[in-house]
Amino acid sequence: MDIKDIDCPGYERVVCAKEDDFEAYVAIHSTKLGPALGGIRYWSYWDDKAAISDVLRLSKGMTYKAALAGLPLGGGKSVIINRGMDRKDVWEKFGELMNHLDGSYIAAEDVGTTLDDVMELSSHTPHVASLRSGDPSEMTAIGVVSCILTCLSVPASEATISVQGLGKVGSMVAEMMANHGSTVIVSDINEDTMNRFANNGFITVGTDEIIAMKSDVFVPCAMGGIVDVRFLDTTGSNVICGSANNQLFSDEIGDELFRRGMIYAPDFLVNAGGIINVYHELNQDYDKNSALSMVSSISQTLINVMQKSKMNMIPTHVVAMEMAEERLNG
C-alpha cells in the first residue's frame, strides 16, 4: 500500500493511503495532551479534496473537544472514501495504515461505521477503541439532550424541538426529547426512517423544510456546515444545539449568530459524550456510571460558556475555543 505524508500547516501529521479502490486519510491535529483519538468516517466523498477538507476540520474539532472535556487526549480523525469495496478488505487495509501510525492515533466509530466494523478492524490493529464500552452514540445523545434542556427557556414539556438527521445519535435525541414531553419535528434523507418516526407520533417534514420550522431549539445531527447564510435567512429557531460536527459554515457565521442575539451551543462541547465514553475504556476498566458522571458535567460547561459569552460580549464559539486553548497551552 502506498502511504504518503501530506504537508498541512498546523497539523502534526496528515497521511494518505491508497491501494486499488482503497483510499483513506488520517489527520492528527494534536497530541499535546495525549494520543489523538477520533472516529473513522466511511463516506462517499465527491473527490479527495472533499475527503481531506473533512478530515482536517474534524480532527481539529476533536482536539478542542477533548481539551474542553478535560480529557488527556489529543485530536485526530480518519476518513475512508466509500467505493463499494468488501468491508473486510477495507478494514484489513485500514489496519495496515493504523499500524503504520504506531499508536499516535486511536480509532473509534463515526458516521458510516459500526461496532462490527471496529471489531473487524481490531483483528488487524490494536489501536482501536469502543471494544469494551460499545457504541458511544448513547452517551453522545445523553450529553446533547442535557445541553438542549439547558438552552430551553420553557419547560421541556412545552417545548418544540426540530431534529435534523436521524442517524444513531439523532434518533436517540429525538426519542429522549419526546420522553421529556417535547413536541419533536424530525427530518432525514432515509424514507424508511421517516416512516418509522411518523408511525411513532413524530412530526415529519422534508429535509428542505426542517430549518424553517418554528421551534425552541434547532438540533442539527447530520453532516457539518449546515449553519450558513441560508440558514440565517430561513431558520425558525433562535437556539442551535445538536450533535453534528462543524455545524458552523465559518467562524463569521458564528459571529453573526451572536450579533442577532441567537444562542449557539458549540458542537465540540455539546457532542463530547462519545469521546468521554471511549476515554473511560482506554486506561481503566470500563465503568458506565463513571462515564455518565463525566458526561453529566457537559451541561455545566455549556452554562459557563454562555455566562462568559454574555458577560464579555463574545460569541459562544469563541469563548469555548479560548477555554480549550487555555488548557492546551496551560
Protein backbone atom coordinates (compact mmCIF):
# COMPACT_ATOMS: atom_id res chain seq x y z
CA MET A 1 0.00 0.00 0.00
CA ASP A 2 1.21 3.49 -0.88
CA ILE A 3 1.26 5.64 2.30
CA LYS A 4 2.36 9.25 1.95
CA ASP A 5 2.53 12.20 4.32
CA ILE A 6 0.73 15.40 3.29
CA ASP A 7 2.10 18.77 4.42
CA CYS A 8 -0.71 20.59 6.26
CA PRO A 9 0.44 23.58 8.36
CA GLY A 10 -1.00 23.50 11.89
CA TYR A 11 -1.31 19.70 11.95
CA GLU A 12 1.17 17.31 13.47
CA ARG A 13 0.69 14.73 10.76
CA VAL A 14 -1.64 14.01 7.85
CA VAL A 15 -1.29 10.83 5.80
CA CYS A 16 -2.93 9.39 2.72
CA ALA A 17 -3.09 5.66 1.96
CA LYS A 18 -4.07 4.22 -1.43
CA GLU A 19 -4.23 0.78 -2.94
CA ASP A 20 -6.57 -0.18 -5.79
CA ASP A 21 -10.04 1.09 -4.75
CA PHE A 22 -8.94 1.79 -1.17
CA GLU A 23 -8.30 5.43 -0.28
CA ALA A 24 -8.09 6.76 3.27
CA TYR A 25 -6.82 9.82 5.10
CA VAL A 26 -5.80 10.24 8.72
CA ALA A 27 -5.22 13.67 10.28
CA ILE A 28 -3.50 14.02 13.64
CA HIS A 29 -4.09 17.59 14.71
CA SER A 30 -2.53 17.49 18.17
CA THR A 31 -1.08 15.03 20.67
CA LYS A 32 -0.14 17.73 23.18
CA LEU A 33 -2.49 16.36 25.85
CA GLY A 34 -2.27 12.70 24.85
CA PRO A 35 -2.70 10.31 21.92
CA ALA A 36 -5.04 11.51 19.17
CA LEU A 37 -8.46 9.88 19.41
CA GLY A 38 -11.15 10.16 16.78
CA GLY A 39 -13.66 8.21 14.75
CA ILE A 40 -13.44 6.67 11.30
CA ARG A 41 -15.81 8.29 8.82
CA TYR A 42 -16.73 5.96 5.94
CA TRP A 43 -18.38 8.15 3.35
CA SER A 44 -18.99 8.62 -0.38
CA TYR A 45 -16.99 11.80 -0.92
CA TRP A 46 -17.15 13.62 -4.23
CA ASP A 47 -13.35 13.63 -4.52
CA ASP A 48 -10.16 13.52 -2.49
CA LYS A 49 -10.27 17.28 -1.83
CA ALA A 50 -13.61 16.90 -0.05
CA ALA A 51 -12.23 14.00 1.99
CA ILE A 52 -9.11 15.93 3.01
CA SER A 53 -11.14 19.02 3.93
CA ASP A 54 -13.42 16.90 6.11
CA VAL A 55 -10.65 15.05 7.93
CA LEU A 56 -8.79 18.29 8.68
CA ARG A 57 -11.83 20.05 10.11
CA LEU A 58 -12.93 17.02 12.10
CA SER A 59 -9.52 16.30 13.62
CA LYS A 60 -9.09 19.89 14.77
CA GLY A 61 -12.54 19.75 16.33
CA MET A 62 -11.52 16.61 18.23
CA THR A 63 -8.58 18.46 19.77
CA TYR A 64 -10.87 21.16 21.13
CA LYS A 65 -13.48 18.60 22.15
CA ALA A 66 -11.03 16.58 24.24
CA ALA A 67 -9.43 19.67 25.76
CA LEU A 68 -12.74 21.28 26.73
CA ALA A 69 -13.95 18.00 28.23
CA GLY A 70 -10.83 17.85 30.41
CA LEU A 71 -9.51 14.63 28.84
CA PRO A 72 -5.83 13.65 28.49
CA LEU A 73 -6.29 13.07 24.77
CA GLY A 74 -5.37 14.76 21.53
CA GLY A 75 -7.37 15.24 18.37
CA GLY A 76 -7.39 13.05 15.30
CA LYS A 77 -9.77 11.74 12.69
CA SER A 78 -9.84 9.44 9.70
CA VAL A 79 -11.95 9.23 6.58
CA ILE A 80 -12.28 6.39 4.11
CA ILE A 81 -13.77 7.03 0.67
CA ASN A 82 -16.57 4.53 0.16
CA ARG A 83 -16.13 2.91 -3.24
CA GLY A 84 -18.11 -0.23 -2.50
CA MET A 85 -15.21 -2.46 -1.50
CA ASP A 86 -15.83 -5.57 0.56
CA ARG A 87 -15.82 -4.27 4.12
CA LYS A 88 -13.44 -6.95 5.39
CA ASP A 89 -10.90 -5.84 2.80
CA VAL A 90 -11.42 -2.22 3.84
CA TRP A 91 -10.62 -2.95 7.46
CA GLU A 92 -7.62 -5.10 6.63
CA LYS A 93 -6.11 -2.26 4.62
CA PHE A 94 -7.07 0.38 7.16
CA GLY A 95 -5.48 -1.74 9.89
CA GLU A 96 -2.24 -1.63 7.93
CA LEU A 97 -2.45 2.16 7.91
CA MET A 98 -3.17 2.25 11.65
CA ASN A 99 -0.13 0.09 12.38
CA HIS A 100 1.98 2.41 10.24
CA LEU A 101 0.98 5.27 12.60
CA ASP A 102 2.07 3.12 15.57
CA GLY A 103 -0.46 4.25 18.18
CA SER A 104 -0.24 8.02 17.66
CA TYR A 105 -3.87 7.80 16.51
CA ILE A 106 -6.58 5.67 18.15
CA ALA A 107 -9.66 4.93 16.04
CA ALA A 108 -13.31 4.60 17.05
CA GLU A 109 -16.74 4.61 15.38
CA ASP A 110 -18.11 7.53 13.41
CA VAL A 111 -20.52 8.22 10.57
CA GLY A 112 -20.75 5.21 8.28
CA THR A 113 -19.04 2.77 10.63
CA THR A 114 -20.41 0.32 13.17
CA LEU A 115 -19.27 -1.61 16.21
CA ASP A 116 -18.93 -4.68 13.97
CA ASP A 117 -16.57 -2.69 11.73
CA VAL A 118 -14.45 -1.71 14.73
CA MET A 119 -14.37 -5.31 15.90
CA GLU A 120 -13.18 -6.41 12.47
CA LEU A 121 -10.54 -3.65 12.45
CA SER A 122 -9.29 -4.82 15.86
CA SER A 123 -8.25 -8.12 14.29
CA HIS A 124 -5.72 -6.16 12.21
CA THR A 125 -4.50 -3.50 14.66
CA PRO A 126 -4.50 -2.91 18.43
CA HIS A 127 -5.02 0.85 18.07
CA VAL A 128 -8.82 0.74 18.34
CA ALA A 129 -11.33 1.93 20.95
CA SER A 130 -15.04 1.21 21.67
CA LEU A 131 -14.45 -2.54 22.04
CA ARG A 132 -15.41 -2.72 25.73
CA SER A 133 -17.66 0.33 26.08
CA GLY A 134 -19.64 -0.38 22.91
CA ASP A 135 -21.38 2.11 20.64
CA PRO A 136 -20.72 5.64 22.03
CA SER A 137 -23.86 7.07 20.41
CA GLU A 138 -25.98 6.77 23.55
CA MET A 139 -23.51 8.80 25.63
CA THR A 140 -23.31 11.41 22.90
CA ALA A 141 -27.10 11.66 22.82
CA ILE A 142 -27.33 11.94 26.62
CA GLY A 143 -24.89 14.85 26.57
CA VAL A 144 -26.74 16.57 23.72
CA VAL A 145 -30.10 16.26 25.48
CA SER A 146 -28.68 17.69 28.71
CA CYS A 147 -27.46 20.72 26.73
CA ILE A 148 -30.81 21.13 24.93
CA LEU A 149 -32.55 21.19 28.30
CA THR A 150 -30.03 23.78 29.48
CA CYS A 151 -30.81 26.01 26.49
CA LEU A 152 -34.59 25.88 26.85
CA SER A 153 -36.40 28.98 28.11
CA VAL A 154 -39.60 26.98 28.66
CA PRO A 155 -40.27 23.61 30.36
CA ALA A 156 -39.35 20.66 28.14
CA SER A 157 -43.00 19.54 28.15
CA GLU A 158 -43.94 22.84 26.49
CA ALA A 159 -41.05 22.96 24.03
CA THR A 160 -40.89 22.21 20.32
CA ILE A 161 -37.65 20.69 19.04
CA SER A 162 -36.53 20.33 15.40
CA VAL A 163 -34.11 17.44 14.84
CA GLN A 164 -32.25 17.31 11.53
CA GLY A 165 -30.76 13.88 10.87
CA LEU A 166 -31.96 10.61 12.36
CA GLY A 167 -28.80 8.56 12.49
CA LYS A 168 -27.80 6.76 15.66
CA VAL A 169 -27.41 9.92 17.75
CA GLY A 170 -30.18 11.98 16.16
CA SER A 171 -32.73 9.20 16.62
CA MET A 172 -31.87 8.85 20.30
CA VAL A 173 -32.02 12.61 20.85
CA ALA A 174 -35.46 12.81 19.21
CA GLU A 175 -36.78 9.92 21.29
CA MET A 176 -35.30 11.27 24.55
CA MET A 177 -36.80 14.71 24.00
CA ALA A 178 -40.17 13.12 23.21
CA ASN A 179 -39.89 11.26 26.52
CA HIS A 180 -39.39 14.64 28.19
CA GLY A 181 -42.76 15.65 26.73
CA SER A 182 -41.47 17.89 23.95
CA THR A 183 -43.10 18.18 20.55
CA VAL A 184 -40.45 16.83 18.19
CA ILE A 185 -40.23 17.63 14.48
CA VAL A 186 -37.84 15.40 12.55
CA SER A 187 -36.26 15.16 9.11
CA ASP A 188 -33.98 12.66 7.42
CA ILE A 189 -33.00 11.62 3.91
CA ASN A 190 -33.94 7.99 4.63
CA GLU A 191 -37.60 7.39 3.78
CA ASP A 192 -37.89 4.22 5.88
CA THR A 193 -36.57 6.06 8.93
CA MET A 194 -39.02 8.88 8.36
CA ASN A 195 -41.92 6.43 8.09
CA ARG A 196 -40.88 4.76 11.34
CA PHE A 197 -40.84 8.06 13.20
CA ALA A 198 -44.13 9.17 11.65
CA ASN A 199 -45.73 5.93 12.80
CA ASN A 200 -44.48 6.64 16.32
CA GLY A 201 -46.18 10.03 16.52
CA PHE A 202 -43.38 12.37 15.48
CA ILE A 203 -43.97 15.27 13.10
CA THR A 204 -42.00 14.58 9.92
CA VAL A 205 -41.03 17.18 7.33
CA GLY A 206 -38.77 17.29 4.29
CA THR A 207 -35.04 17.96 4.51
CA ASP A 208 -35.56 21.37 2.91
CA GLU A 209 -38.29 22.30 5.40
CA ILE A 210 -36.78 21.41 8.77
CA ILE A 211 -34.61 24.54 9.09
CA ALA A 212 -37.59 26.87 8.66
CA MET A 213 -39.85 25.08 11.12
CA LYS A 214 -40.69 27.21 14.15
CA SER A 215 -39.16 25.61 17.23
CA ASP A 216 -37.49 26.40 20.52
CA VAL A 217 -34.29 24.57 19.56
CA PHE A 218 -32.91 23.51 16.20
CA VAL A 219 -30.92 20.28 16.66
CA PRO A 220 -28.50 19.51 13.80
CA CYS A 221 -27.49 15.84 13.90
CA ALA A 222 -26.42 15.26 10.30
CA MET A 223 -23.35 16.50 8.43
CA GLY A 224 -21.41 19.71 9.03
CA GLY A 225 -21.62 23.22 7.60
CA ILE A 226 -25.39 23.45 7.96
CA VAL A 227 -25.37 26.83 9.74
CA ASP A 228 -24.65 29.14 6.83
CA VAL A 229 -26.06 32.33 5.29
CA ARG A 230 -29.12 30.47 4.01
CA PHE A 231 -29.73 29.12 7.49
CA LEU A 232 -29.61 32.64 8.95
CA ASP A 233 -32.21 33.83 6.47
CA THR A 234 -34.63 30.92 6.90
CA THR A 235 -34.30 29.48 10.40
CA GLY A 236 -37.37 29.23 12.60
CA SER A 237 -35.36 28.95 15.82
CA ASN A 238 -33.14 31.23 17.89
CA VAL A 239 -31.27 28.35 19.52
CA ILE A 240 -28.91 25.82 17.88
CA CYS A 241 -27.80 22.80 19.89
CA GLY A 242 -27.03 19.46 18.29
CA SER A 243 -24.59 16.61 17.75
CA ALA A 244 -23.27 17.30 14.25
CA ASN A 245 -19.60 18.20 13.98
CA ASN A 246 -18.52 21.52 12.44
CA GLN A 247 -22.02 22.98 12.31
CA LEU A 248 -20.84 26.50 11.54
CA PHE A 249 -20.02 27.06 7.87
CA SER A 250 -17.46 29.60 9.07
CA ASP A 251 -16.48 31.46 12.23
CA GLU A 252 -18.04 34.56 10.70
CA ILE A 253 -21.42 32.83 10.75
CA GLY A 254 -20.93 32.24 14.48
CA ASP A 255 -20.19 35.94 14.93
CA GLU A 256 -23.38 36.82 13.04
CA LEU A 257 -25.45 34.47 15.21
CA PHE A 258 -24.18 36.34 18.23
CA ARG A 259 -24.94 39.74 16.69
CA ARG A 260 -28.51 38.60 16.03
CA GLY A 261 -28.96 37.50 19.63
CA MET A 262 -29.19 33.80 18.72
CA ILE A 263 -27.82 31.10 21.02
CA TYR A 264 -25.30 28.67 19.58
CA ALA A 265 -24.19 25.79 21.80
CA PRO A 266 -20.71 24.95 20.40
CA ASP A 267 -20.82 21.50 18.80
CA PHE A 268 -17.44 20.31 20.07
CA LEU A 269 -18.66 20.99 23.60
CA VAL A 270 -22.16 19.54 23.23
CA ASN A 271 -21.25 16.28 21.48
CA ALA A 272 -18.36 15.27 23.76
CA GLY A 273 -20.29 12.38 25.35
CA GLY A 274 -18.90 9.88 22.87
CA ILE A 275 -15.24 10.71 23.38
CA ILE A 276 -15.76 10.78 27.15
CA ASN A 277 -17.27 7.29 26.97
CA VAL A 278 -14.40 5.97 24.86
CA TYR A 279 -11.80 7.53 27.16
CA HIS A 280 -13.18 5.57 30.11
CA GLU A 281 -12.23 2.28 28.47
CA LEU A 282 -8.71 3.22 27.39
CA ASN A 283 -6.72 3.25 30.62
CA GLN A 284 -9.03 1.57 33.10
CA ASP A 285 -11.78 -1.00 33.47
CA TYR A 286 -14.84 0.46 31.81
CA ASP A 287 -17.43 1.76 34.26
CA LYS A 288 -20.56 3.17 32.62
CA ASN A 289 -21.61 5.06 35.76
CA SER A 290 -18.24 6.80 35.88
CA ALA A 291 -18.59 7.76 32.23
CA LEU A 292 -22.16 9.01 32.81
CA SER A 293 -20.98 11.15 35.70
CA MET A 294 -18.47 12.90 33.46
CA VAL A 295 -20.97 13.27 30.62
CA SER A 296 -23.34 14.99 33.06
CA SER A 297 -20.77 17.78 33.51
CA ILE A 298 -21.07 18.82 29.84
CA SER A 299 -24.17 20.93 30.50
CA GLN A 300 -22.37 22.81 33.30
CA THR A 301 -19.53 23.61 30.92
CA LEU A 302 -22.12 24.96 28.48
CA ILE A 303 -23.59 27.13 31.25
CA ASN A 304 -20.11 28.50 31.96
CA VAL A 305 -19.56 29.25 28.27
CA MET A 306 -22.90 31.05 27.92
CA GLN A 307 -22.25 33.09 31.07
CA LYS A 308 -18.81 34.18 29.86
CA SER A 309 -20.26 34.98 26.44
CA LYS A 310 -22.90 37.24 27.97
CA MET A 311 -20.54 38.86 30.45
CA ASN A 312 -17.75 39.60 27.96
CA MET A 313 -19.95 40.12 24.88
CA ILE A 314 -18.09 37.41 22.95
CA PRO A 315 -19.69 34.73 20.74
CA THR A 316 -20.04 31.34 22.41
CA HIS A 317 -17.90 29.53 19.82
CA VAL A 318 -15.05 31.96 20.56
CA VAL A 319 -15.42 31.51 24.32
CA ALA A 320 -15.38 27.72 24.00
CA MET A 321 -12.29 27.76 21.78
CA GLU A 322 -10.49 30.11 24.18
CA MET A 323 -11.28 27.79 27.10
CA ALA A 324 -9.92 24.83 25.13
CA GLU A 325 -6.81 26.78 24.14
CA GLU A 326 -6.18 27.68 27.77
CA ARG A 327 -5.98 24.01 28.65
CA LEU A 328 -3.87 23.18 25.61
CA ASN A 329 -1.40 25.94 26.42
CA GLY A 330 -1.56 25.58 30.20
